[in-house]
């Protein structure tokens, strides 16, 4: 999964499109039944969803955010690399630095993980 940002953008645009269809359906369904609806509310909700869809594009293009803080070599040279599977664990110290990485095969209450946690809890 090299290009996560474009996948997220596609999903957000799909959500926005489905929400627009839902607002359209609710609006005309309510009109058929004789209820009064508000274009102001629908417009506000669609605007907020549009902002939600635009945010990843802004972050990727203008803020140069890649969304891979824990796995990028630029931000985490010691423990960089792709996530092999779900439940990979990163241990972060009090300063916000990644100090250890554990695979999905390591149990959260396993000996190696617990020793690392205890070691870094003692640091001030």
PDB file of N, CA and C in Angstrom:
ATOM      1  N   UNK A   1       0.842  -1.184   0.000  1.00  0.00           N
ATOM      2  CA  UNK A   1       0.000   0.000   0.000  1.00  0.00           C
ATOM      3  C   UNK A   1       0.881   1.240   0.000  1.00  0.00           C
ATOM      4  N   UNK A   2       1.332   1.629  -1.131  1.00  0.00           N
ATOM      5  CA  UNK A   2       2.223   2.769  -1.224  1.00  0.00           C
ATOM      6  C   UNK A   2       1.469   4.095  -1.210  1.00  0.00           C
ATOM      7  N   UNK A   3       0.265   4.138  -1.792  1.00  0.00           N
ATOM      8  CA  UNK A   3      -0.429   5.403  -1.970  1.00  0.00           C
ATOM      9  C   UNK A   3      -1.721   5.422  -1.157  1.00  0.00           C
ATOM     10  N   UNK A   4      -1.581   5.595   0.160  1.00  0.00           N
ATOM     11  CA  UNK A   4      -2.743   5.572   1.044  1.00  0.00           C
ATOM     12  C   UNK A   4      -3.593   6.820   0.884  1.00  0.00           C
ATOM     13  N   UNK A   5      -2.974   7.958   0.618  1.00  0.00           N
ATOM     14  CA  UNK A   5      -3.724   9.217   0.545  1.00  0.00           C
ATOM     15  C   UNK A   5      -4.761   9.178  -0.565  1.00  0.00           C
ATOM     16  N   UNK A   6      -4.405   8.656  -1.737  1.00  0.00           N
ATOM     17  CA  UNK A   6      -5.367   8.612  -2.839  1.00  0.00           C
ATOM     18  C   UNK A   6      -6.507   7.649  -2.537  1.00  0.00           C
ATOM     19  N   UNK A   7      -6.232   6.560  -1.840  1.00  0.00           N
ATOM     20  CA  UNK A   7      -7.286   5.639  -1.444  1.00  0.00           C
ATOM     21  C   UNK A   7      -8.247   6.315  -0.485  1.00  0.00           C
ATOM     22  N   UNK A   8      -7.706   7.062   0.476  1.00  0.00           N
ATOM     23  CA  UNK A   8      -8.548   7.759   1.451  1.00  0.00           C
ATOM     24  C   UNK A   8      -9.388   8.829   0.762  1.00  0.00           C
ATOM     25  N   UNK A   9      -8.807   9.515  -0.190  1.00  0.00           N
ATOM     26  CA  UNK A   9      -9.552  10.548  -0.914  1.00  0.00           C
ATOM     27  C   UNK A   9     -10.697   9.914  -1.691  1.00  0.00           C
ATOM     28  N   UNK A  10     -10.432   8.789  -2.340  1.00  0.00           N
ATOM     29  CA  UNK A  10     -11.476   8.099  -3.092  1.00  0.00           C
ATOM     30  C   UNK A  10     -12.620   7.670  -2.168  1.00  0.00           C
ATOM     31  N   UNK A  11     -12.297   7.153  -1.011  1.00  0.00           N
ATOM     32  CA  UNK A  11     -13.324   6.737  -0.056  1.00  0.00           C
ATOM     33  C   UNK A  11     -14.126   7.934   0.420  1.00  0.00           C
ATOM     34  N   UNK A  12     -13.449   9.045   0.735  1.00  0.00           N
ATOM     35  CA  UNK A  12     -14.163  10.234   1.187  1.00  0.00           C
ATOM     36  C   UNK A  12     -15.066  10.806   0.096  1.00  0.00           C
ATOM     37  N   UNK A  13     -14.613  10.807  -1.138  1.00  0.00           N
ATOM     38  CA  UNK A  13     -15.462  11.288  -2.233  1.00  0.00           C
ATOM     39  C   UNK A  13     -16.666  10.384  -2.432  1.00  0.00           C
ATOM     40  N   UNK A  14     -16.493   9.092  -2.254  1.00  0.00           N
ATOM     41  CA  UNK A  14     -17.610   8.160  -2.334  1.00  0.00           C
ATOM     42  C   UNK A  14     -18.623   8.438  -1.222  1.00  0.00           C
ATOM     43  N   UNK A  15     -18.134   8.714  -0.014  1.00  0.00           N
ATOM     44  CA  UNK A  15     -19.023   9.048   1.102  1.00  0.00           C
ATOM     45  C   UNK A  15     -19.792  10.323   0.805  1.00  0.00           C
ATOM     46  N   UNK A  16     -19.096  11.327   0.267  1.00  0.00           N
ATOM     47  CA  UNK A  16     -19.764  12.591  -0.073  1.00  0.00           C
ATOM     48  C   UNK A  16     -20.845  12.358  -1.126  1.00  0.00           C
ATOM     49  N   UNK A  17     -20.550  11.561  -2.146  1.00  0.00           N
ATOM     50  CA  UNK A  17     -21.541  11.290  -3.196  1.00  0.00           C
ATOM     51  C   UNK A  17     -22.745  10.549  -2.632  1.00  0.00           C
ATOM     52  N   UNK A  18     -22.507   9.551  -1.806  1.00  0.00           N
ATOM     53  CA  UNK A  18     -23.621   8.808  -1.215  1.00  0.00           C
ATOM     54  C   UNK A  18     -24.448   9.691  -0.286  1.00  0.00           C
ATOM     55  N   UNK A  19     -23.789  10.589   0.427  1.00  0.00           N
ATOM     56  CA  UNK A  19     -24.517  11.503   1.308  1.00  0.00           C
ATOM     57  C   UNK A  19     -25.354  12.476   0.495  1.00  0.00           C
ATOM     58  N   UNK A  20     -24.828  12.955  -0.610  1.00  0.00           N
ATOM     59  CA  UNK A  20     -25.606  13.852  -1.474  1.00  0.00           C
ATOM     60  C   UNK A  20     -26.837  13.135  -2.009  1.00  0.00           C
ATOM     61  N   UNK A  21     -26.675  11.888  -2.415  1.00  0.00           N
ATOM     62  CA  UNK A  21     -27.816  11.102  -2.885  1.00  0.00           C
ATOM     63  C   UNK A  21     -28.821  10.901  -1.756  1.00  0.00           C
ATOM     64  N   UNK A  22     -28.318  10.647  -0.549  1.00  0.00           N
ATOM     65  CA  UNK A  22     -29.209  10.449   0.592  1.00  0.00           C
ATOM     66  C   UNK A  22     -29.993  11.722   0.901  1.00  0.00           C
ATOM     67  N   UNK A  23     -29.327  12.876   0.885  1.00  0.00           N
ATOM     68  CA  UNK A  23     -30.027  14.138   1.129  1.00  0.00           C
ATOM     69  C   UNK A  23     -31.088  14.380   0.051  1.00  0.00           C
ATOM     70  N   UNK A  24     -30.753  14.107  -1.181  1.00  0.00           N
ATOM     71  CA  UNK A  24     -31.701  14.272  -2.288  1.00  0.00           C
ATOM     72  C   UNK A  24     -32.916  13.369  -2.082  1.00  0.00           C
ATOM     73  N   UNK A  25     -32.644  12.111  -1.737  1.00  0.00           N
ATOM     74  CA  UNK A  25     -33.731  11.154  -1.534  1.00  0.00           C
ATOM     75  C   UNK A  25     -34.610  11.546  -0.360  1.00  0.00           C
ATOM     76  N   UNK A  26     -34.001  11.935   0.737  1.00  0.00           N
ATOM     77  CA  UNK A  26     -34.769  12.339   1.920  1.00  0.00           C
ATOM     78  C   UNK A  26     -35.594  13.575   1.611  1.00  0.00           C
ATOM     79  N   UNK A  27     -35.000  14.527   0.922  1.00  0.00           N
ATOM     80  CA  UNK A  27     -35.703  15.771   0.604  1.00  0.00           C
ATOM     81  C   UNK A  27     -36.940  15.499  -0.243  1.00  0.00           C
ATOM     82  N   UNK A  28     -36.773  14.774  -1.331  1.00  0.00           N
ATOM     83  CA  UNK A  28     -37.914  14.521  -2.215  1.00  0.00           C
ATOM     84  C   UNK A  28     -38.886  13.505  -1.625  1.00  0.00           C
ATOM     85  N   UNK A  29     -38.362  12.587  -0.801  1.00  0.00           N
ATOM     86  CA  UNK A  29     -39.267  11.672  -0.104  1.00  0.00           C
ATOM     87  C   UNK A  29     -40.144  12.415   0.887  1.00  0.00           C
ATOM     88  N   UNK A  30     -39.575  13.407   1.545  1.00  0.00           N
ATOM     89  CA  UNK A  30     -40.341  14.215   2.494  1.00  0.00           C
ATOM     90  C   UNK A  30     -41.351  15.086   1.757  1.00  0.00           C
ATOM     91  N   UNK A  31     -40.980  15.612   0.598  1.00  0.00           N
ATOM     92  CA  UNK A  31     -41.919  16.430  -0.163  1.00  0.00           C
ATOM     93  C   UNK A  31     -43.115  15.612  -0.624  1.00  0.00           C
ATOM     94  N   UNK A  32     -42.872  14.377  -1.034  1.00  0.00           N
ATOM     95  CA  UNK A  32     -43.957  13.509  -1.482  1.00  0.00           C
ATOM     96  C   UNK A  32     -44.940  13.257  -0.334  1.00  0.00           C
ATOM     97  N   UNK A  33     -44.406  13.099   0.864  1.00  0.00           N
ATOM     98  CA  UNK A  33     -45.250  12.816   2.020  1.00  0.00           C
ATOM     99  C   UNK A  33     -45.879  14.084   2.604  1.00  0.00           C
ATOM    100  N   UNK A  34     -45.501  15.245   2.104  1.00  0.00           N
ATOM    101  CA  UNK A  34     -46.105  16.485   2.563  1.00  0.00           C
ATOM    102  C   UNK A  34     -45.344  17.206   3.659  1.00  0.00           C
ATOM    103  N   UNK A  35     -44.136  16.748   3.975  1.00  0.00           N
ATOM    104  CA  UNK A  35     -43.337  17.422   4.994  1.00  0.00           C
ATOM    105  C   UNK A  35     -42.502  18.520   4.338  1.00  0.00           C
ATOM    106  N   UNK A  36     -42.184  19.510   5.120  1.00  0.00           N
ATOM    107  CA  UNK A  36     -41.352  20.590   4.609  1.00  0.00           C
ATOM    108  C   UNK A  36     -39.896  20.312   4.983  1.00  0.00           C
ATOM    109  N   UNK A  37     -38.998  20.466   4.046  1.00  0.00           N
ATOM    110  CA  UNK A  37     -37.577  20.244   4.317  1.00  0.00           C
ATOM    111  C   UNK A  37     -36.819  21.539   4.107  1.00  0.00           C
ATOM    112  N   UNK A  38     -35.585  21.532   4.540  1.00  0.00           N
ATOM    113  CA  UNK A  38     -34.781  22.749   4.463  1.00  0.00           C
ATOM    114  C   UNK A  38     -33.567  22.517   3.574  1.00  0.00           C
ATOM    115  N   UNK A  39     -33.450  23.335   2.542  1.00  0.00           N
ATOM    116  CA  UNK A  39     -32.256  23.277   1.703  1.00  0.00           C
ATOM    117  C   UNK A  39     -31.038  23.806   2.460  1.00  0.00           C
ATOM    118  N   UNK A  40     -31.279  24.670   3.427  1.00  0.00           N
ATOM    119  CA  UNK A  40     -30.191  25.238   4.221  1.00  0.00           C
ATOM    120  C   UNK A  40     -29.462  24.137   5.002  1.00  0.00           C
ATOM    121  N   UNK A  41     -30.220  23.255   5.633  1.00  0.00           N
ATOM    122  CA  UNK A  41     -29.615  22.153   6.385  1.00  0.00           C
ATOM    123  C   UNK A  41     -28.871  21.206   5.458  1.00  0.00           C
ATOM    124  N   UNK A  42     -29.489  20.869   4.352  1.00  0.00           N
ATOM    125  CA  UNK A  42     -28.829  19.969   3.397  1.00  0.00           C
ATOM    126  C   UNK A  42     -27.566  20.612   2.843  1.00  0.00           C
ATOM    127  N   UNK A  43     -27.640  21.887   2.507  1.00  0.00           N
ATOM    128  CA  UNK A  43     -26.464  22.591   1.995  1.00  0.00           C
ATOM    129  C   UNK A  43     -25.345  22.655   3.020  1.00  0.00           C
ATOM    130  N   UNK A  44     -25.702  22.923   4.280  1.00  0.00           N
ATOM    131  CA  UNK A  44     -24.697  22.974   5.340  1.00  0.00           C
ATOM    132  C   UNK A  44     -24.014  21.618   5.501  1.00  0.00           C
ATOM    133  N   UNK A  45     -24.808  20.544   5.529  1.00  0.00           N
ATOM    134  CA  UNK A  45     -24.233  19.210   5.691  1.00  0.00           C
ATOM    135  C   UNK A  45     -23.340  18.830   4.509  1.00  0.00           C
ATOM    136  N   UNK A  46     -23.764  19.152   3.312  1.00  0.00           N
ATOM    137  CA  UNK A  46     -22.938  18.846   2.135  1.00  0.00           C
ATOM    138  C   UNK A  46     -21.655  19.667   2.129  1.00  0.00           C
ATOM    139  N   UNK A  47     -21.735  20.932   2.577  1.00  0.00           N
ATOM    140  CA  UNK A  47     -20.537  21.766   2.669  1.00  0.00           C
ATOM    141  C   UNK A  47     -19.547  21.173   3.663  1.00  0.00           C
ATOM    142  N   UNK A  48     -20.033  20.719   4.813  1.00  0.00           N
ATOM    143  CA  UNK A  48     -19.147  20.120   5.815  1.00  0.00           C
ATOM    144  C   UNK A  48     -18.513  18.831   5.290  1.00  0.00           C
ATOM    145  N   UNK A  49     -19.277  18.033   4.564  1.00  0.00           N
ATOM    146  CA  UNK A  49     -18.706  16.821   3.981  1.00  0.00           C
ATOM    147  C   UNK A  49     -17.701  17.143   2.879  1.00  0.00           C
ATOM    148  N   UNK A  50     -17.957  18.210   2.139  1.00  0.00           N
ATOM    149  CA  UNK A  50     -17.003  18.654   1.121  1.00  0.00           C
ATOM    150  C   UNK A  50     -15.676  19.056   1.783  1.00  0.00           C
ATOM    151  N   UNK A  51     -15.761  19.775   2.902  1.00  0.00           N
ATOM    152  CA  UNK A  51     -14.541  20.133   3.641  1.00  0.00           C
ATOM    153  C   UNK A  51     -13.806  18.887   4.125  1.00  0.00           C
ATOM    154  N   UNK A  52     -14.565  17.901   4.569  1.00  0.00           N
ATOM    155  CA  UNK A  52     -13.967  16.653   5.016  1.00  0.00           C
ATOM    156  C   UNK A  52     -13.252  15.944   3.861  1.00  0.00           C
ATOM    157  N   UNK A  53     -13.818  16.018   2.671  1.00  0.00           N
ATOM    158  CA  UNK A  53     -13.202  15.380   1.505  1.00  0.00           C
ATOM    159  C   UNK A  53     -11.991  16.156   1.010  1.00  0.00           C
ATOM    160  N   UNK A  54     -11.988  17.470   1.171  1.00  0.00           N
ATOM    161  CA  UNK A  54     -10.890  18.314   0.694  1.00  0.00           C
ATOM    162  C   UNK A  54      -9.686  18.276   1.642  1.00  0.00           C
ATOM    163  N   UNK A  55      -9.909  18.010   2.924  1.00  0.00           N
ATOM    164  CA  UNK A  55      -8.818  18.037   3.906  1.00  0.00           C
ATOM    165  C   UNK A  55      -7.652  17.123   3.535  1.00  0.00           C
ATOM    166  N   UNK A  56      -7.861  15.843   3.154  1.00  0.00           N
ATOM    167  CA  UNK A  56      -6.702  15.022   2.791  1.00  0.00           C
ATOM    168  C   UNK A  56      -5.953  15.540   1.564  1.00  0.00           C
ATOM    169  N   UNK A  57      -6.683  16.115   0.622  1.00  0.00           N
ATOM    170  CA  UNK A  57      -6.029  16.680  -0.561  1.00  0.00           C
ATOM    171  C   UNK A  57      -5.141  17.848  -0.144  1.00  0.00           C
ATOM    172  N   UNK A  58      -5.664  18.712   0.717  1.00  0.00           N
ATOM    173  CA  UNK A  58      -4.878  19.847   1.202  1.00  0.00           C
ATOM    174  C   UNK A  58      -3.644  19.369   1.952  1.00  0.00           C
ATOM    175  N   UNK A  59      -3.816  18.404   2.847  1.00  0.00           N
ATOM    176  CA  UNK A  59      -2.681  17.907   3.627  1.00  0.00           C
ATOM    177  C   UNK A  59      -1.626  17.261   2.735  1.00  0.00           C
ATOM    178  N   UNK A  60      -2.049  16.520   1.743  1.00  0.00           N
ATOM    179  CA  UNK A  60      -1.096  15.827   0.873  1.00  0.00           C
ATOM    180  C   UNK A  60      -0.372  16.786  -0.060  1.00  0.00           C
ATOM    181  N   UNK A  61      -1.087  17.756  -0.616  1.00  0.00           N
ATOM    182  CA  UNK A  61      -0.493  18.640  -1.623  1.00  0.00           C
ATOM    183  C   UNK A  61       0.263  19.821  -1.027  1.00  0.00           C
ATOM    184  N   UNK A  62      -0.370  20.506  -0.090  1.00  0.00           N
ATOM    185  CA  UNK A  62       0.186  21.771   0.382  1.00  0.00           C
ATOM    186  C   UNK A  62       0.971  21.639   1.678  1.00  0.00           C
ATOM    187  N   UNK A  63       0.538  20.785   2.580  1.00  0.00           N
ATOM    188  CA  UNK A  63       1.249  20.620   3.847  1.00  0.00           C
ATOM    189  C   UNK A  63       2.291  19.507   3.760  1.00  0.00           C
ATOM    190  N   UNK A  64       2.368  18.824   2.624  1.00  0.00           N
ATOM    191  CA  UNK A  64       3.329  17.739   2.371  1.00  0.00           C
ATOM    192  C   UNK A  64       3.228  16.627   3.420  1.00  0.00           C
ATOM    193  N   UNK A  65       2.011  16.377   3.895  1.00  0.00           N
ATOM    194  CA  UNK A  65       1.778  15.313   4.868  1.00  0.00           C
ATOM    195  C   UNK A  65       1.537  14.018   4.114  1.00  0.00           C
ATOM    196  N   UNK A  66       2.279  12.981   4.466  1.00  0.00           N
ATOM    197  CA  UNK A  66       2.172  11.709   3.765  1.00  0.00           C
ATOM    198  C   UNK A  66       1.351  10.688   4.550  1.00  0.00           C
ATOM    199  N   UNK A  67       1.055  10.985   5.796  1.00  0.00           N
ATOM    200  CA  UNK A  67       0.216  10.096   6.578  1.00  0.00           C
ATOM    201  C   UNK A  67       0.902   8.831   7.059  1.00  0.00           C
ATOM    202  N   UNK A  68       2.217   8.801   7.049  1.00  0.00           N
ATOM    203  CA  UNK A  68       2.930   7.601   7.471  1.00  0.00           C
ATOM    204  C   UNK A  68       4.055   7.959   8.436  1.00  0.00           C
ATOM    205  N   UNK A  69       3.709   8.637   9.512  1.00  0.00           N
ATOM    206  CA  UNK A  69       4.696   9.106  10.475  1.00  0.00           C
ATOM    207  C   UNK A  69       5.515   7.962  11.071  1.00  0.00           C
ATOM    208  N   UNK A  70       4.868   6.866  11.407  1.00  0.00           N
ATOM    209  CA  UNK A  70       5.569   5.772  12.076  1.00  0.00           C
ATOM    210  C   UNK A  70       6.395   4.916  11.132  1.00  0.00           C
ATOM    211  N   UNK A  71       6.073   4.911   9.856  1.00  0.00           N
ATOM    212  CA  UNK A  71       6.744   3.994   8.939  1.00  0.00           C
ATOM    213  C   UNK A  71       7.666   4.675   7.933  1.00  0.00           C
ATOM    214  N   UNK A  72       7.721   5.996   7.896  1.00  0.00           N
ATOM    215  CA  UNK A  72       8.564   6.701   6.924  1.00  0.00           C
ATOM    216  C   UNK A  72       9.999   6.803   7.425  1.00  0.00           C
ATOM    217  N   UNK A  73      10.942   6.689   6.507  1.00  0.00           N
ATOM    218  CA  UNK A  73      12.359   6.786   6.876  1.00  0.00           C
ATOM    219  C   UNK A  73      12.742   8.197   7.324  1.00  0.00           C
ATOM    220  N   UNK A  74      12.056   9.209   6.798  1.00  0.00           N
ATOM    221  CA  UNK A  74      12.383  10.588   7.160  1.00  0.00           C
ATOM    222  C   UNK A  74      12.022  10.896   8.611  1.00  0.00           C
ATOM    223  N   UNK A  75      10.900  10.359   9.073  1.00  0.00           N
ATOM    224  CA  UNK A  75      10.428  10.685  10.419  1.00  0.00           C
ATOM    225  C   UNK A  75      10.798   9.640  11.451  1.00  0.00           C
ATOM    226  N   UNK A  76      11.096   8.424  11.016  1.00  0.00           N
ATOM    227  CA  UNK A  76      11.386   7.339  11.944  1.00  0.00           C
ATOM    228  C   UNK A  76      12.443   6.413  11.343  1.00  0.00           C
ATOM    229  N   UNK A  77      13.710   6.861  11.285  1.00  0.00           N
ATOM    230  CA  UNK A  77      14.727   6.073  10.581  1.00  0.00           C
ATOM    231  C   UNK A  77      15.038   4.723  11.222  1.00  0.00           C
ATOM    232  N   UNK A  78      14.944   4.596  12.545  1.00  0.00           N
ATOM    233  CA  UNK A  78      15.297   3.332  13.202  1.00  0.00           C
ATOM    234  C   UNK A  78      14.289   2.227  12.953  1.00  0.00           C
ATOM    235  N   UNK A  79      13.012   2.579  12.986  1.00  0.00           N
ATOM    236  CA  UNK A  79      11.964   1.562  12.927  1.00  0.00           C
ATOM    237  C   UNK A  79      11.070   1.709  11.701  1.00  0.00           C
ATOM    238  N   UNK A  80      11.606   2.267  10.626  1.00  0.00           N
ATOM    239  CA  UNK A  80      10.823   2.472   9.405  1.00  0.00           C
ATOM    240  C   UNK A  80      10.586   1.153   8.693  1.00  0.00           C
ATOM    241  N   UNK A  81       9.598   1.142   7.854  1.00  0.00           N
ATOM    242  CA  UNK A  81       9.283  -0.042   7.064  1.00  0.00           C
ATOM    243  C   UNK A  81       7.790  -0.246   6.991  1.00  0.00           C
ATOM    244  N   UNK A  82       7.377  -1.065   6.049  1.00  0.00           N
ATOM    245  CA  UNK A  82       5.952  -1.316   5.872  1.00  0.00           C
ATOM    246  C   UNK A  82       5.377  -2.106   7.037  1.00  0.00           C
ATOM    247  N   UNK A  83       4.102  -1.895   7.263  1.00  0.00           N
ATOM    248  CA  UNK A  83       3.376  -2.682   8.257  1.00  0.00           C
ATOM    249  C   UNK A  83       3.083  -4.032   7.613  1.00  0.00           C
ATOM    250  N   UNK A  84       3.527  -5.097   8.260  1.00  0.00           N
ATOM    251  CA  UNK A  84       3.364  -6.423   7.661  1.00  0.00           C
ATOM    252  C   UNK A  84       1.933  -6.936   7.794  1.00  0.00           C
ATOM    253  N   UNK A  85       1.254  -6.595   8.877  1.00  0.00           N
ATOM    254  CA  UNK A  85      -0.092  -7.089   9.125  1.00  0.00           C
ATOM    255  C   UNK A  85      -0.693  -6.224  10.216  1.00  0.00           C
ATOM    256  N   UNK A  86      -1.964  -6.447  10.501  1.00  0.00           N
ATOM    257  CA  UNK A  86      -2.598  -5.713  11.595  1.00  0.00           C
ATOM    258  C   UNK A  86      -1.890  -5.986  12.916  1.00  0.00           C
ATOM    259  N   UNK A  87      -2.063  -5.121  13.843  1.00  0.00           N
ATOM    260  CA  UNK A  87      -1.567  -5.274  15.209  1.00  0.00           C
ATOM    261  C   UNK A  87      -0.056  -5.145  15.336  1.00  0.00           C
ATOM    262  N   UNK A  88       0.621  -4.470  14.408  1.00  0.00           N
ATOM    263  CA  UNK A  88       1.991  -4.087  14.661  1.00  0.00           C
ATOM    264  C   UNK A  88       1.965  -3.070  15.789  1.00  0.00           C
ATOM    265  N   UNK A  89       2.945  -3.138  16.669  1.00  0.00           N
ATOM    266  CA  UNK A  89       2.945  -2.275  17.842  1.00  0.00           C
ATOM    267  C   UNK A  89       4.165  -1.365  17.828  1.00  0.00           C
ATOM    268  N   UNK A  90       3.947  -0.092  18.135  1.00  0.00           N
ATOM    269  CA  UNK A  90       5.024   0.878  18.260  1.00  0.00           C
ATOM    270  C   UNK A  90       5.013   1.383  19.687  1.00  0.00           C
ATOM    271  N   UNK A  91       6.178   1.404  20.314  1.00  0.00           N
ATOM    272  CA  UNK A  91       6.289   1.936  21.669  1.00  0.00           C
ATOM    273  C   UNK A  91       6.871   3.344  21.565  1.00  0.00           C
ATOM    274  N   UNK A  92       6.170   4.307  22.127  1.00  0.00           N
ATOM    275  CA  UNK A  92       6.555   5.714  22.052  1.00  0.00           C
ATOM    276  C   UNK A  92       6.891   6.195  23.457  1.00  0.00           C
ATOM    277  N   UNK A  93       8.039   6.872  23.612  1.00  0.00           N
ATOM    278  CA  UNK A  93       8.420   7.350  24.938  1.00  0.00           C
ATOM    279  C   UNK A  93       7.694   8.651  25.279  1.00  0.00           C
ATOM    280  N   UNK A  94       8.003   9.199  26.430  1.00  0.00           N
ATOM    281  CA  UNK A  94       7.317  10.410  26.910  1.00  0.00           C
ATOM    282  C   UNK A  94       7.604  11.636  26.038  1.00  0.00           C
ATOM    283  N   UNK A  95       8.682  11.589  25.283  1.00  0.00           N
ATOM    284  CA  UNK A  95       9.037  12.714  24.405  1.00  0.00           C
ATOM    285  C   UNK A  95       8.362  12.600  23.032  1.00  0.00           C
ATOM    286  N   UNK A  96       7.660  11.499  22.784  1.00  0.00           N
ATOM    287  CA  UNK A  96       6.991  11.301  21.512  1.00  0.00           C
ATOM    288  C   UNK A  96       7.855  10.621  20.468  1.00  0.00           C
ATOM    289  N   UNK A  97       8.977  10.050  20.868  1.00  0.00           N
ATOM    290  CA  UNK A  97       9.872   9.363  19.944  1.00  0.00           C
ATOM    291  C   UNK A  97       9.556   7.866  19.942  1.00  0.00           C
ATOM    292  N   UNK A  98       9.612   7.253  18.772  1.00  0.00           N
ATOM    293  CA  UNK A  98       9.411   5.807  18.692  1.00  0.00           C
ATOM    294  C   UNK A  98      10.676   5.136  19.199  1.00  0.00           C
ATOM    295  N   UNK A  99      10.531   4.281  20.214  1.00  0.00           N
ATOM    296  CA  UNK A  99      11.693   3.640  20.819  1.00  0.00           C
ATOM    297  C   UNK A  99      11.724   2.133  20.586  1.00  0.00           C
ATOM    298  N   UNK A 100      10.606   1.562  20.160  1.00  0.00           N
ATOM    299  CA  UNK A 100      10.584   0.118  19.885  1.00  0.00           C
ATOM    300  C   UNK A 100       9.437  -0.187  18.931  1.00  0.00           C
ATOM    301  N   UNK A 101       9.624  -1.272  18.214  1.00  0.00           N
ATOM    302  CA  UNK A 101       8.580  -1.741  17.287  1.00  0.00           C
ATOM    303  C   UNK A 101       8.464  -3.249  17.435  1.00  0.00           C
ATOM    304  N   UNK A 102       7.229  -3.715  17.484  1.00  0.00           N
ATOM    305  CA  UNK A 102       6.976  -5.137  17.647  1.00  0.00           C
ATOM    306  C   UNK A 102       6.053  -5.609  16.527  1.00  0.00           C
ATOM    307  N   UNK A 103       6.260  -6.830  16.094  1.00  0.00           N
ATOM    308  CA  UNK A 103       5.453  -7.361  14.990  1.00  0.00           C
ATOM    309  C   UNK A 103       4.082  -7.780  15.504  1.00  0.00           C
ATOM    310  N   UNK A 104       3.236  -8.172  14.586  1.00  0.00           N
ATOM    311  CA  UNK A 104       1.891  -8.609  14.965  1.00  0.00           C
ATOM    312  C   UNK A 104       1.927  -9.948  15.694  1.00  0.00           C
ATOM    313  N   UNK A 105       3.017 -10.671  15.563  1.00  0.00           N
ATOM    314  CA  UNK A 105       3.134 -11.961  16.252  1.00  0.00           C
ATOM    315  C   UNK A 105       3.452 -11.788  17.730  1.00  0.00           C
ATOM    316  N   UNK A 106       4.031 -10.642  18.125  1.00  0.00           N
ATOM    317  CA  UNK A 106       4.313 -10.372  19.531  1.00  0.00           C
ATOM    318  C   UNK A 106       3.020 -10.007  20.243  1.00  0.00           C
ATOM    319  N   UNK A 107       2.730 -10.684  21.319  1.00  0.00           N
ATOM    320  CA  UNK A 107       1.512 -10.406  22.075  1.00  0.00           C
ATOM    321  C   UNK A 107       1.712  -9.152  22.919  1.00  0.00           C
ATOM    322  N   UNK A 108       0.661  -8.357  23.092  1.00  0.00           N
ATOM    323  CA  UNK A 108       0.791  -7.126  23.888  1.00  0.00           C
ATOM    324  C   UNK A 108       1.236  -7.390  25.320  1.00  0.00           C
ATOM    325  N   UNK A 109       0.890  -8.552  25.866  1.00  0.00           N
ATOM    326  CA  UNK A 109       1.316  -8.876  27.226  1.00  0.00           C
ATOM    327  C   UNK A 109       2.498  -9.845  27.231  1.00  0.00           C
ATOM    328  N   UNK A 110       3.174  -9.961  26.085  1.00  0.00           N
ATOM    329  CA  UNK A 110       4.349 -10.823  25.974  1.00  0.00           C
ATOM    330  C   UNK A 110       5.528 -10.255  26.753  1.00  0.00           C
ATOM    331  N   UNK A 111       6.502 -11.107  26.987  1.00  0.00           N
ATOM    332  CA  UNK A 111       7.641 -10.729  27.827  1.00  0.00           C
ATOM    333  C   UNK A 111       8.449  -9.579  27.228  1.00  0.00           C
ATOM    334  N   UNK A 112       8.737  -9.635  25.927  1.00  0.00           N
ATOM    335  CA  UNK A 112       9.554  -8.589  25.298  1.00  0.00           C
ATOM    336  C   UNK A 112       8.840  -7.237  25.343  1.00  0.00           C
ATOM    337  N   UNK A 113       7.549  -7.240  25.063  1.00  0.00           N
ATOM    338  CA  UNK A 113       6.784  -5.988  25.067  1.00  0.00           C
ATOM    339  C   UNK A 113       6.719  -5.427  26.478  1.00  0.00           C
ATOM    340  N   UNK A 114       6.431  -6.272  27.454  1.00  0.00           N
ATOM    341  CA  UNK A 114       6.321  -5.802  28.840  1.00  0.00           C
ATOM    342  C   UNK A 114       7.661  -5.275  29.361  1.00  0.00           C
ATOM    343  N   UNK A 115       8.763  -5.923  29.002  1.00  0.00           N
ATOM    344  CA  UNK A 115      10.079  -5.448  29.434  1.00  0.00           C
ATOM    345  C   UNK A 115      10.389  -4.078  28.845  1.00  0.00           C
ATOM    346  N   UNK A 116      10.069  -3.901  27.574  1.00  0.00           N
ATOM    347  CA  UNK A 116      10.314  -2.605  26.933  1.00  0.00           C
ATOM    348  C   UNK A 116       9.455  -1.507  27.563  1.00  0.00           C
ATOM    349  N   UNK A 117       8.200  -1.827  27.846  1.00  0.00           N
ATOM    350  CA  UNK A 117       7.317  -0.836  28.472  1.00  0.00           C
ATOM    351  C   UNK A 117       7.848  -0.456  29.843  1.00  0.00           C
ATOM    352  N   UNK A 118       8.216  -1.436  30.641  1.00  0.00           N
ATOM    353  CA  UNK A 118       8.744  -1.161  31.978  1.00  0.00           C
ATOM    354  C   UNK A 118      10.029  -0.354  31.917  1.00  0.00           C
ATOM    355  N   UNK A 119      10.873  -0.662  30.939  1.00  0.00           N
ATOM    356  CA  UNK A 119      12.149   0.061  30.792  1.00  0.00           C
ATOM    357  C   UNK A 119      11.893   1.546  30.528  1.00  0.00           C
ATOM    358  N   UNK A 120      10.973   1.840  29.628  1.00  0.00           N
ATOM    359  CA  UNK A 120      10.739   3.239  29.271  1.00  0.00           C
ATOM    360  C   UNK A 120       9.820   3.953  30.239  1.00  0.00           C
ATOM    361  N   UNK A 121       9.074   3.225  31.065  1.00  0.00           N
ATOM    362  CA  UNK A 121       8.281   3.870  32.120  1.00  0.00           C
ATOM    363  C   UNK A 121       9.181   4.403  33.227  1.00  0.00           C
ATOM    364  N   UNK A 122      10.325   3.754  33.421  1.00  0.00           N
ATOM    365  CA  UNK A 122      11.257   4.198  34.464  1.00  0.00           C
ATOM    366  C   UNK A 122      11.957   5.505  34.101  1.00  0.00           C
ATOM    367  N   UNK A 123      12.064   5.781  32.804  1.00  0.00           N
ATOM    368  CA  UNK A 123      12.715   7.025  32.356  1.00  0.00           C
ATOM    369  C   UNK A 123      11.846   8.222  32.679  1.00  0.00           C
ATOM    370  N   UNK A 124      12.477   9.306  32.993  1.00  0.00           N
ATOM    371  CA  UNK A 124      11.730  10.541  33.316  1.00  0.00           C
ATOM    372  C   UNK A 124      11.849  11.525  32.202  1.00  0.00           C
TER     373      UNK A 124
END
